[in-house]
Amino acid sequence: MMRFAPSREFYIPKGSVKIADKASDAIVYIYTSHKDKPAAIAFHGKAQKPDWHHSFASPQARERKIAEHFEGRRRWAEGQQERRDERKKPHGFEVGHLLYASWGYEQTNIDFYQVTKIIGSHMVEVREVAQISADSGNEPWMTGKVVPKLDAFTGEPMRRRVNGRSKSVRIDNVRTAFLWDGRPLNWTGYA
């Protein structure tokens, strides 16, 4: 069954005046509604459906809404550019850095990984390493503290892309590894 997918022109009232923001991808069409009220409909980019479509009590209220729409789209574009720039920065990981992943359901598992190779500006090779108990002896039952054992590899090398924003490495669909700060990490068991 074929569905009707209206284009942008379907929503734009006849006789409206187009106002485009030069600093963003925002476009607004202004017109007078059938009740003789100032009205406007706004779009962004290549969107077919409007962002908003309102009638206003006064032309000043309409102008405020249009200015807010333009400013919001400018901020969005600036944020997008900042995120792109952040992704282009080198990750900052070095060979020998230790990462940890804390995960689990009704328990907390801790895994440690060591960066073994830098592969370009966005990739690293990591290997899982063994852990050592750092318990003080007075932890509750089924809990404890662990630290990594440097160069005691227990897993095969894995190439992973670094998330530049969070400075993390996605190990699999459950675990994400972050830079370890040197303090012992808590684990809990399932009883």
N, C-alpha and C. Protein backbone atom coordinates (compact mmCIF):
# COMPACT_ATOMS: atom_id res chain seq x y z
N MET A 1 0.84 -1.16 0.00
CA MET A 1 0.00 0.00 0.00
C MET A 1 0.90 1.24 0.00
N MET A 2 0.59 2.19 -0.85
CA MET A 2 1.37 3.41 -0.94
C MET A 2 0.84 4.45 0.04
N ARG A 3 1.76 5.12 0.71
CA ARG A 3 1.35 6.15 1.66
C ARG A 3 1.61 7.53 1.07
N PHE A 4 0.82 8.48 1.48
CA PHE A 4 1.00 9.85 1.05
C PHE A 4 2.06 10.49 1.94
N ALA A 5 3.15 10.92 1.35
CA ALA A 5 4.23 11.59 2.07
C ALA A 5 4.30 13.03 1.57
N PRO A 6 3.69 13.95 2.31
CA PRO A 6 3.64 15.32 1.83
C PRO A 6 5.03 15.97 1.79
N SER A 7 5.24 16.79 0.80
CA SER A 7 6.49 17.54 0.70
C SER A 7 6.36 18.83 1.50
N ARG A 8 7.45 19.55 1.60
CA ARG A 8 7.46 20.81 2.34
C ARG A 8 6.42 21.78 1.75
N GLU A 9 6.31 21.81 0.43
CA GLU A 9 5.38 22.74 -0.24
C GLU A 9 3.93 22.50 0.19
N PHE A 10 3.61 21.27 0.58
CA PHE A 10 2.27 20.94 1.04
C PHE A 10 1.89 21.76 2.28
N TYR A 11 2.87 22.00 3.17
CA TYR A 11 2.61 22.69 4.43
C TYR A 11 2.66 24.22 4.30
N ILE A 12 3.35 24.74 3.31
CA ILE A 12 3.55 26.18 3.19
C ILE A 12 2.29 26.85 2.65
N PRO A 13 1.71 27.79 3.40
CA PRO A 13 0.50 28.47 2.93
C PRO A 13 0.79 29.35 1.71
N LYS A 14 -0.20 29.46 0.85
CA LYS A 14 -0.06 30.29 -0.34
C LYS A 14 0.06 31.76 0.07
N GLY A 15 0.91 32.49 -0.62
CA GLY A 15 1.09 33.91 -0.34
C GLY A 15 2.01 34.21 0.83
N SER A 16 2.66 33.19 1.39
CA SER A 16 3.56 33.44 2.52
C SER A 16 4.90 33.98 2.02
N VAL A 17 5.63 34.64 2.93
CA VAL A 17 6.92 35.24 2.61
C VAL A 17 8.00 34.42 3.30
N LYS A 18 9.02 34.04 2.53
CA LYS A 18 10.11 33.21 3.04
C LYS A 18 11.18 34.08 3.69
N ILE A 19 11.61 33.68 4.92
CA ILE A 19 12.71 34.33 5.62
C ILE A 19 13.73 33.24 5.94
N ALA A 20 14.96 33.40 5.43
CA ALA A 20 16.01 32.42 5.68
C ALA A 20 17.08 33.05 6.56
N ASP A 21 17.59 32.26 7.49
CA ASP A 21 18.67 32.70 8.36
C ASP A 21 19.99 32.37 7.67
N LYS A 22 20.83 33.36 7.44
CA LYS A 22 22.09 33.14 6.74
C LYS A 22 23.12 32.40 7.60
N ALA A 23 22.96 32.45 8.92
CA ALA A 23 23.93 31.82 9.82
C ALA A 23 23.55 30.39 10.20
N SER A 24 22.43 29.89 9.71
CA SER A 24 22.01 28.52 10.03
C SER A 24 21.19 27.97 8.86
N ASP A 25 20.61 26.79 9.07
CA ASP A 25 19.78 26.16 8.04
C ASP A 25 18.29 26.40 8.28
N ALA A 26 17.96 27.38 9.12
CA ALA A 26 16.56 27.65 9.48
C ALA A 26 15.87 28.48 8.40
N ILE A 27 14.61 28.13 8.15
CA ILE A 27 13.77 28.86 7.21
C ILE A 27 12.40 29.03 7.85
N VAL A 28 11.85 30.24 7.74
CA VAL A 28 10.52 30.51 8.28
C VAL A 28 9.69 31.17 7.18
N TYR A 29 8.43 30.77 7.09
CA TYR A 29 7.49 31.39 6.17
C TYR A 29 6.47 32.14 7.02
N ILE A 30 6.31 33.44 6.77
CA ILE A 30 5.34 34.24 7.53
C ILE A 30 4.14 34.56 6.64
N TYR A 31 2.99 34.67 7.29
CA TYR A 31 1.75 34.97 6.57
C TYR A 31 0.71 35.43 7.58
N THR A 32 -0.45 35.81 7.09
CA THR A 32 -1.58 36.20 7.95
C THR A 32 -2.60 35.07 7.88
N SER A 33 -3.01 34.59 9.05
CA SER A 33 -3.94 33.45 9.09
C SER A 33 -5.32 33.88 8.64
N HIS A 34 -6.21 32.90 8.47
CA HIS A 34 -7.58 33.18 8.04
C HIS A 34 -8.35 33.99 9.09
N LYS A 35 -7.85 34.08 10.32
CA LYS A 35 -8.48 34.89 11.37
C LYS A 35 -7.76 36.23 11.51
N ASP A 36 -7.02 36.63 10.49
CA ASP A 36 -6.26 37.88 10.45
C ASP A 36 -5.26 38.01 11.59
N LYS A 37 -4.64 36.91 11.97
CA LYS A 37 -3.60 36.93 12.99
C LYS A 37 -2.25 36.67 12.31
N PRO A 38 -1.16 37.26 12.85
CA PRO A 38 0.15 36.95 12.30
C PRO A 38 0.46 35.47 12.56
N ALA A 39 1.00 34.79 11.56
CA ALA A 39 1.30 33.36 11.68
C ALA A 39 2.63 33.07 11.01
N ALA A 40 3.18 31.92 11.35
CA ALA A 40 4.46 31.51 10.75
C ALA A 40 4.59 29.99 10.83
N ILE A 41 5.37 29.47 9.90
CA ILE A 41 5.69 28.05 9.88
C ILE A 41 7.20 27.94 9.66
N ALA A 42 7.87 27.07 10.46
CA ALA A 42 9.34 27.00 10.43
C ALA A 42 9.82 25.61 10.03
N PHE A 43 10.93 25.59 9.31
CA PHE A 43 11.60 24.36 8.89
C PHE A 43 13.09 24.50 9.17
N HIS A 44 13.80 23.40 9.05
CA HIS A 44 15.26 23.44 9.11
C HIS A 44 15.81 22.45 8.09
N GLY A 45 16.98 22.75 7.56
CA GLY A 45 17.66 21.87 6.63
C GLY A 45 16.78 21.40 5.50
N LYS A 46 16.75 20.09 5.26
CA LYS A 46 15.93 19.51 4.20
C LYS A 46 14.65 18.87 4.75
N ALA A 47 14.32 19.18 5.98
CA ALA A 47 13.14 18.58 6.62
C ALA A 47 11.87 18.89 5.83
N GLN A 48 11.04 17.88 5.66
CA GLN A 48 9.79 18.05 4.94
C GLN A 48 8.67 18.52 5.88
N LYS A 49 8.69 18.05 7.12
CA LYS A 49 7.67 18.44 8.09
C LYS A 49 8.15 19.68 8.84
N PRO A 50 7.22 20.55 9.21
CA PRO A 50 7.62 21.77 9.91
C PRO A 50 8.10 21.50 11.34
N ASP A 51 9.02 22.36 11.82
CA ASP A 51 9.46 22.31 13.21
C ASP A 51 8.34 22.84 14.10
N TRP A 52 7.67 23.87 13.66
CA TRP A 52 6.52 24.41 14.37
C TRP A 52 5.67 25.20 13.39
N HIS A 53 4.39 25.40 13.75
CA HIS A 53 3.43 26.13 12.92
C HIS A 53 2.43 26.79 13.87
N HIS A 54 2.55 28.13 14.03
CA HIS A 54 1.74 28.82 15.03
C HIS A 54 1.12 30.10 14.46
N SER A 55 0.04 30.51 15.11
CA SER A 55 -0.46 31.87 14.92
C SER A 55 -0.15 32.63 16.21
N PHE A 56 -0.02 33.95 16.13
CA PHE A 56 0.45 34.75 17.25
C PHE A 56 -0.51 35.89 17.56
N ALA A 57 -0.44 36.37 18.79
CA ALA A 57 -1.29 37.48 19.21
C ALA A 57 -0.84 38.80 18.59
N SER A 58 0.45 38.90 18.30
CA SER A 58 0.97 40.15 17.73
C SER A 58 2.16 39.86 16.82
N PRO A 59 2.49 40.79 15.94
CA PRO A 59 3.68 40.62 15.09
C PRO A 59 4.97 40.53 15.92
N GLN A 60 5.00 41.22 17.07
CA GLN A 60 6.19 41.18 17.92
C GLN A 60 6.40 39.77 18.50
N ALA A 61 5.32 39.12 18.89
CA ALA A 61 5.42 37.76 19.41
C ALA A 61 5.93 36.82 18.32
N ARG A 62 5.45 37.03 17.10
CA ARG A 62 5.92 36.21 15.98
C ARG A 62 7.41 36.42 15.75
N GLU A 63 7.86 37.68 15.79
CA GLU A 63 9.28 38.00 15.58
C GLU A 63 10.15 37.35 16.67
N ARG A 64 9.67 37.37 17.92
CA ARG A 64 10.42 36.73 19.01
C ARG A 64 10.58 35.23 18.76
N LYS A 65 9.50 34.58 18.34
CA LYS A 65 9.53 33.14 18.08
C LYS A 65 10.48 32.83 16.92
N ILE A 66 10.46 33.64 15.89
CA ILE A 66 11.36 33.44 14.75
C ILE A 66 12.81 33.61 15.19
N ALA A 67 13.09 34.64 15.99
CA ALA A 67 14.45 34.87 16.48
C ALA A 67 14.91 33.69 17.34
N GLU A 68 14.03 33.15 18.19
CA GLU A 68 14.36 31.98 19.01
C GLU A 68 14.68 30.78 18.13
N HIS A 69 13.89 30.59 17.08
CA HIS A 69 14.11 29.46 16.17
C HIS A 69 15.47 29.59 15.48
N PHE A 70 15.77 30.76 14.96
CA PHE A 70 17.06 30.98 14.30
C PHE A 70 18.21 30.76 15.28
N GLU A 71 18.10 31.31 16.48
CA GLU A 71 19.17 31.16 17.48
C GLU A 71 19.34 29.70 17.88
N GLY A 72 18.25 28.98 18.04
CA GLY A 72 18.33 27.56 18.39
C GLY A 72 19.03 26.75 17.31
N ARG A 73 18.73 27.02 16.06
CA ARG A 73 19.38 26.30 14.96
C ARG A 73 20.86 26.67 14.87
N ARG A 74 21.22 27.92 15.18
CA ARG A 74 22.64 28.33 15.19
C ARG A 74 23.39 27.57 16.28
N ARG A 75 22.79 27.50 17.48
CA ARG A 75 23.43 26.78 18.58
C ARG A 75 23.59 25.30 18.23
N TRP A 76 22.58 24.72 17.60
CA TRP A 76 22.66 23.32 17.21
C TRP A 76 23.80 23.12 16.22
N ALA A 77 23.93 23.99 15.22
CA ALA A 77 25.00 23.88 14.23
C ALA A 77 26.37 24.04 14.89
N GLU A 78 26.49 24.98 15.83
CA GLU A 78 27.75 25.16 16.54
C GLU A 78 28.10 23.91 17.35
N GLY A 79 27.13 23.32 18.01
CA GLY A 79 27.35 22.10 18.78
C GLY A 79 27.78 20.95 17.87
N GLN A 80 27.15 20.84 16.70
CA GLN A 80 27.54 19.80 15.75
C GLN A 80 29.00 19.99 15.32
N GLN A 81 29.38 21.24 15.05
CA GLN A 81 30.75 21.51 14.63
C GLN A 81 31.74 21.19 15.76
N GLU A 82 31.38 21.54 17.00
CA GLU A 82 32.25 21.22 18.14
C GLU A 82 32.43 19.71 18.27
N ARG A 83 31.36 18.93 18.08
CA ARG A 83 31.45 17.47 18.17
C ARG A 83 32.33 16.92 17.05
N ARG A 84 32.20 17.48 15.84
CA ARG A 84 33.05 17.05 14.73
C ARG A 84 34.52 17.34 15.03
N ASP A 85 34.78 18.54 15.54
CA ASP A 85 36.16 18.92 15.87
C ASP A 85 36.72 18.04 16.97
N GLU A 86 35.88 17.70 17.96
CA GLU A 86 36.31 16.84 19.07
C GLU A 86 36.68 15.45 18.56
N ARG A 87 35.90 14.93 17.60
CA ARG A 87 36.19 13.61 17.05
C ARG A 87 37.50 13.59 16.28
N LYS A 88 37.90 14.72 15.71
CA LYS A 88 39.13 14.78 14.93
C LYS A 88 40.38 14.86 15.79
N LYS A 89 40.23 15.23 17.06
CA LYS A 89 41.38 15.33 17.95
C LYS A 89 41.95 13.95 18.24
N PRO A 90 43.27 13.85 18.43
CA PRO A 90 43.85 12.56 18.83
C PRO A 90 43.31 12.15 20.20
N HIS A 91 43.21 10.85 20.43
CA HIS A 91 42.57 10.34 21.65
C HIS A 91 43.39 10.55 22.91
N GLY A 92 44.70 10.60 22.82
CA GLY A 92 45.52 10.82 24.01
C GLY A 92 45.94 9.56 24.74
N PHE A 93 45.48 8.39 24.30
CA PHE A 93 45.93 7.16 24.93
C PHE A 93 47.37 6.88 24.52
N GLU A 94 48.12 6.21 25.40
CA GLU A 94 49.50 5.83 25.13
C GLU A 94 49.68 4.35 25.43
N VAL A 95 50.70 3.76 24.82
CA VAL A 95 51.00 2.36 25.10
C VAL A 95 51.31 2.23 26.59
N GLY A 96 50.68 1.25 27.23
CA GLY A 96 50.87 1.04 28.66
C GLY A 96 49.73 1.59 29.51
N HIS A 97 48.90 2.47 28.96
CA HIS A 97 47.75 2.97 29.73
C HIS A 97 46.84 1.80 30.10
N LEU A 98 46.28 1.87 31.29
CA LEU A 98 45.36 0.85 31.77
C LEU A 98 43.94 1.39 31.73
N LEU A 99 43.02 0.53 31.29
CA LEU A 99 41.60 0.86 31.19
C LEU A 99 40.83 -0.14 32.04
N TYR A 100 39.65 0.28 32.49
CA TYR A 100 38.78 -0.63 33.25
C TYR A 100 37.38 -0.60 32.69
N ALA A 101 36.70 -1.72 32.81
CA ALA A 101 35.29 -1.82 32.44
C ALA A 101 34.55 -2.37 33.65
N SER A 102 33.53 -1.66 34.09
CA SER A 102 32.69 -2.09 35.20
C SER A 102 31.33 -2.45 34.62
N TRP A 103 30.89 -3.69 34.82
CA TRP A 103 29.65 -4.14 34.21
C TRP A 103 29.02 -5.26 35.04
N GLY A 104 27.79 -5.59 34.73
CA GLY A 104 27.12 -6.70 35.40
C GLY A 104 25.67 -6.41 35.68
N TYR A 105 24.95 -7.46 35.99
CA TYR A 105 23.53 -7.38 36.34
C TYR A 105 23.38 -8.05 37.70
N GLU A 106 22.96 -7.31 38.71
CA GLU A 106 22.85 -7.75 40.10
C GLU A 106 24.21 -8.11 40.70
N GLN A 107 25.26 -7.71 40.05
CA GLN A 107 26.62 -7.86 40.56
C GLN A 107 27.49 -6.90 39.77
N THR A 108 28.67 -6.60 40.27
CA THR A 108 29.58 -5.69 39.58
C THR A 108 30.85 -6.43 39.23
N ASN A 109 31.09 -6.60 37.95
CA ASN A 109 32.30 -7.23 37.46
C ASN A 109 33.27 -6.14 37.04
N ILE A 110 34.54 -6.35 37.25
CA ILE A 110 35.57 -5.41 36.84
C ILE A 110 36.54 -6.14 35.92
N ASP A 111 36.78 -5.59 34.74
CA ASP A 111 37.79 -6.12 33.82
C ASP A 111 38.79 -5.01 33.55
N PHE A 112 40.06 -5.38 33.42
CA PHE A 112 41.11 -4.41 33.11
C PHE A 112 41.71 -4.71 31.75
N TYR A 113 42.11 -3.67 31.05
CA TYR A 113 42.71 -3.78 29.72
C TYR A 113 43.93 -2.88 29.67
N GLN A 114 44.91 -3.29 28.90
CA GLN A 114 46.12 -2.49 28.74
C GLN A 114 46.26 -2.13 27.26
N VAL A 115 46.57 -0.86 27.00
CA VAL A 115 46.81 -0.42 25.63
C VAL A 115 48.17 -0.96 25.21
N THR A 116 48.20 -1.76 24.14
CA THR A 116 49.45 -2.37 23.68
C THR A 116 49.98 -1.75 22.39
N LYS A 117 49.12 -1.04 21.67
CA LYS A 117 49.56 -0.44 20.42
C LYS A 117 48.63 0.72 20.06
N ILE A 118 49.20 1.78 19.50
CA ILE A 118 48.41 2.90 18.98
C ILE A 118 48.31 2.69 17.47
N ILE A 119 47.10 2.70 16.96
CA ILE A 119 46.87 2.48 15.53
C ILE A 119 46.20 3.74 14.99
N GLY A 120 46.99 4.67 14.51
CA GLY A 120 46.45 5.93 14.00
C GLY A 120 45.97 6.83 15.12
N SER A 121 45.19 7.82 14.76
CA SER A 121 44.75 8.80 15.76
C SER A 121 43.42 8.44 16.41
N HIS A 122 42.77 7.35 15.94
CA HIS A 122 41.47 7.00 16.49
C HIS A 122 41.33 5.54 16.92
N MET A 123 42.38 4.76 16.76
CA MET A 123 42.30 3.33 17.08
C MET A 123 43.43 2.95 18.03
N VAL A 124 43.14 1.95 18.86
CA VAL A 124 44.16 1.37 19.73
C VAL A 124 44.00 -0.15 19.72
N GLU A 125 45.06 -0.82 20.13
CA GLU A 125 44.99 -2.25 20.36
C GLU A 125 45.04 -2.43 21.87
N VAL A 126 44.09 -3.19 22.42
CA VAL A 126 44.06 -3.45 23.86
C VAL A 126 44.05 -4.95 24.10
N ARG A 127 44.54 -5.33 25.28
CA ARG A 127 44.49 -6.72 25.71
C ARG A 127 44.02 -6.76 27.15
N GLU A 128 43.21 -7.74 27.47
CA GLU A 128 42.75 -7.90 28.84
C GLU A 128 43.93 -8.35 29.69
N VAL A 129 44.00 -7.82 30.93
CA VAL A 129 45.07 -8.19 31.86
C VAL A 129 44.46 -8.77 33.13
N ALA A 130 45.27 -9.53 33.85
CA ALA A 130 44.83 -10.14 35.11
C ALA A 130 44.64 -9.05 36.16
N GLN A 131 44.00 -9.42 37.25
CA GLN A 131 43.79 -8.48 38.34
C GLN A 131 44.26 -9.09 39.66
N ILE A 132 44.59 -8.20 40.58
CA ILE A 132 45.09 -8.60 41.89
C ILE A 132 44.12 -8.08 42.93
N SER A 133 43.85 -8.88 43.93
CA SER A 133 42.98 -8.44 45.01
C SER A 133 43.66 -7.34 45.82
N ALA A 134 42.91 -6.30 46.12
CA ALA A 134 43.43 -5.20 46.93
C ALA A 134 42.59 -5.06 48.19
N ASP A 135 42.03 -6.18 48.65
CA ASP A 135 41.17 -6.17 49.84
C ASP A 135 41.96 -5.83 51.08
N SER A 136 41.31 -5.09 51.96
CA SER A 136 41.94 -4.78 53.24
C SER A 136 41.59 -5.83 54.29
N GLY A 137 40.70 -6.75 53.93
CA GLY A 137 40.34 -7.82 54.86
C GLY A 137 39.05 -7.57 55.61
N ASN A 138 38.54 -6.34 55.57
CA ASN A 138 37.30 -6.06 56.31
C ASN A 138 36.16 -5.66 55.38
N GLU A 139 36.19 -6.13 54.12
CA GLU A 139 35.07 -5.89 53.21
C GLU A 139 33.93 -6.84 53.53
N PRO A 140 32.69 -6.45 53.29
CA PRO A 140 31.56 -7.35 53.51
C PRO A 140 31.66 -8.59 52.61
N TRP A 141 30.86 -9.60 52.95
CA TRP A 141 30.82 -10.85 52.20
C TRP A 141 30.43 -10.57 50.75
N MET A 142 31.06 -11.25 49.81
CA MET A 142 30.81 -11.15 48.36
C MET A 142 31.14 -9.78 47.79
N THR A 143 32.09 -9.08 48.38
CA THR A 143 32.57 -7.81 47.84
C THR A 143 34.08 -7.78 47.97
N GLY A 144 34.68 -6.85 47.26
CA GLY A 144 36.12 -6.72 47.36
C GLY A 144 36.63 -5.59 46.49
N LYS A 145 37.94 -5.45 46.47
CA LYS A 145 38.59 -4.44 45.65
C LYS A 145 39.67 -5.12 44.81
N VAL A 146 39.86 -4.62 43.58
CA VAL A 146 40.87 -5.18 42.69
C VAL A 146 41.64 -4.07 42.00
N VAL A 147 42.87 -4.43 41.59
CA VAL A 147 43.71 -3.55 40.78
C VAL A 147 44.27 -4.41 39.65
N PRO A 148 44.68 -3.80 38.53
CA PRO A 148 45.21 -4.59 37.42
C PRO A 148 46.65 -5.05 37.67
N LYS A 149 47.03 -6.13 37.02
CA LYS A 149 48.40 -6.62 37.08
C LYS A 149 49.03 -6.29 35.73
N LEU A 150 49.90 -5.31 35.72
CA LEU A 150 50.52 -4.79 34.50
C LEU A 150 51.24 -5.89 33.73
N ASP A 151 51.01 -5.92 32.42
CA ASP A 151 51.66 -6.86 31.48
C ASP A 151 51.32 -8.33 31.73
N ALA A 152 50.33 -8.64 32.56
CA ALA A 152 49.91 -10.03 32.78
C ALA A 152 48.68 -10.28 31.89
N PHE A 153 48.92 -10.46 30.61
CA PHE A 153 47.84 -10.55 29.63
C PHE A 153 47.09 -11.86 29.74
N THR A 154 45.76 -11.76 29.69
CA THR A 154 44.91 -12.95 29.74
C THR A 154 44.07 -13.08 28.48
N GLY A 155 44.06 -12.07 27.65
CA GLY A 155 43.24 -12.08 26.45
C GLY A 155 44.05 -11.78 25.20
N GLU A 156 43.42 -12.05 24.06
CA GLU A 156 44.05 -11.78 22.77
C GLU A 156 43.95 -10.28 22.45
N PRO A 157 44.84 -9.78 21.58
CA PRO A 157 44.77 -8.36 21.19
C PRO A 157 43.46 -8.06 20.46
N MET A 158 42.89 -6.89 20.77
CA MET A 158 41.66 -6.44 20.13
C MET A 158 41.88 -5.02 19.62
N ARG A 159 41.53 -4.77 18.38
CA ARG A 159 41.59 -3.42 17.83
C ARG A 159 40.25 -2.75 18.10
N ARG A 160 40.31 -1.58 18.71
CA ARG A 160 39.08 -0.87 19.06
C ARG A 160 39.21 0.62 18.74
N ARG A 161 38.11 1.20 18.35
CA ARG A 161 38.06 2.63 18.08
C ARG A 161 37.85 3.37 19.39
N VAL A 162 38.55 4.49 19.55
CA VAL A 162 38.46 5.28 20.78
C VAL A 162 37.35 6.31 20.61
N ASN A 163 36.49 6.41 21.61
CA ASN A 163 35.48 7.46 21.63
C ASN A 163 36.18 8.71 22.19
N GLY A 164 36.42 9.68 21.33
CA GLY A 164 37.18 10.86 21.72
C GLY A 164 36.50 11.72 22.75
N ARG A 165 35.16 11.74 22.75
CA ARG A 165 34.44 12.58 23.71
C ARG A 165 34.53 12.04 25.12
N SER A 166 34.33 10.74 25.29
CA SER A 166 34.34 10.17 26.64
C SER A 166 35.68 9.52 26.98
N LYS A 167 36.63 9.56 26.05
CA LYS A 167 37.94 8.93 26.26
C LYS A 167 37.74 7.48 26.71
N SER A 168 36.99 6.73 25.91
CA SER A 168 36.68 5.35 26.26
C SER A 168 36.85 4.46 25.03
N VAL A 169 36.83 3.15 25.28
CA VAL A 169 36.95 2.14 24.23
C VAL A 169 35.81 1.15 24.42
N ARG A 170 35.02 0.93 23.39
CA ARG A 170 33.92 -0.03 23.45
C ARG A 170 34.49 -1.43 23.26
N ILE A 171 34.44 -2.26 24.28
CA ILE A 171 34.98 -3.62 24.21
C ILE A 171 34.02 -4.54 23.47
N ASP A 172 32.75 -4.53 23.90
CA ASP A 172 31.70 -5.30 23.23
C ASP A 172 30.38 -4.62 23.53
N ASN A 173 29.27 -5.30 23.30
CA ASN A 173 27.98 -4.65 23.49
C ASN A 173 27.59 -4.47 24.96
N VAL A 174 28.41 -5.00 25.88
CA VAL A 174 28.13 -4.88 27.31
C VAL A 174 29.17 -3.99 28.00
N ARG A 175 30.41 -4.08 27.58
CA ARG A 175 31.51 -3.42 28.28
C ARG A 175 32.09 -2.25 27.51
N THR A 176 32.30 -1.16 28.23
CA THR A 176 33.02 0.01 27.73
C THR A 176 34.12 0.29 28.73
N ALA A 177 35.34 0.43 28.23
CA ALA A 177 36.49 0.61 29.11
C ALA A 177 36.93 2.07 29.13
N PHE A 178 37.19 2.56 30.34
CA PHE A 178 37.62 3.94 30.57
C PHE A 178 39.02 3.95 31.17
N LEU A 179 39.70 5.07 31.05
CA LEU A 179 41.04 5.20 31.60
C LEU A 179 41.00 5.01 33.12
N TRP A 180 41.85 4.15 33.64
CA TRP A 180 41.89 3.84 35.07
C TRP A 180 42.70 4.91 35.79
N ASP A 181 42.21 5.38 36.95
CA ASP A 181 42.86 6.47 37.69
C ASP A 181 43.84 5.98 38.76
N GLY A 182 44.02 4.68 38.90
CA GLY A 182 45.01 4.16 39.85
C GLY A 182 44.44 3.71 41.18
N ARG A 183 43.17 3.99 41.45
CA ARG A 183 42.56 3.57 42.72
C ARG A 183 41.94 2.18 42.58
N PRO A 184 41.96 1.37 43.65
CA PRO A 184 41.32 0.05 43.59
C PRO A 184 39.82 0.21 43.29
N LEU A 185 39.28 -0.74 42.52
CA LEU A 185 37.88 -0.71 42.13
C LEU A 185 37.10 -1.79 42.86
N ASN A 186 35.85 -1.47 43.22
CA ASN A 186 34.99 -2.39 43.97
C ASN A 186 34.30 -3.37 43.03
N TRP A 187 34.23 -4.64 43.44
CA TRP A 187 33.43 -5.63 42.75
C TRP A 187 32.44 -6.20 43.75
N THR A 188 31.34 -6.71 43.25
CA THR A 188 30.37 -7.38 44.11
C THR A 188 29.99 -8.70 43.45
N GLY A 189 29.63 -9.68 44.24
CA GLY A 189 29.21 -10.97 43.74
C GLY A 189 27.71 -11.13 43.85
N TYR A 190 27.20 -12.13 43.20
CA TYR A 190 25.77 -12.44 43.23
C TYR A 190 25.55 -13.55 44.24
N ALA A 191 24.66 -13.31 45.19
CA ALA A 191 24.42 -14.32 46.23
C ALA A 191 23.20 -15.14 45.90
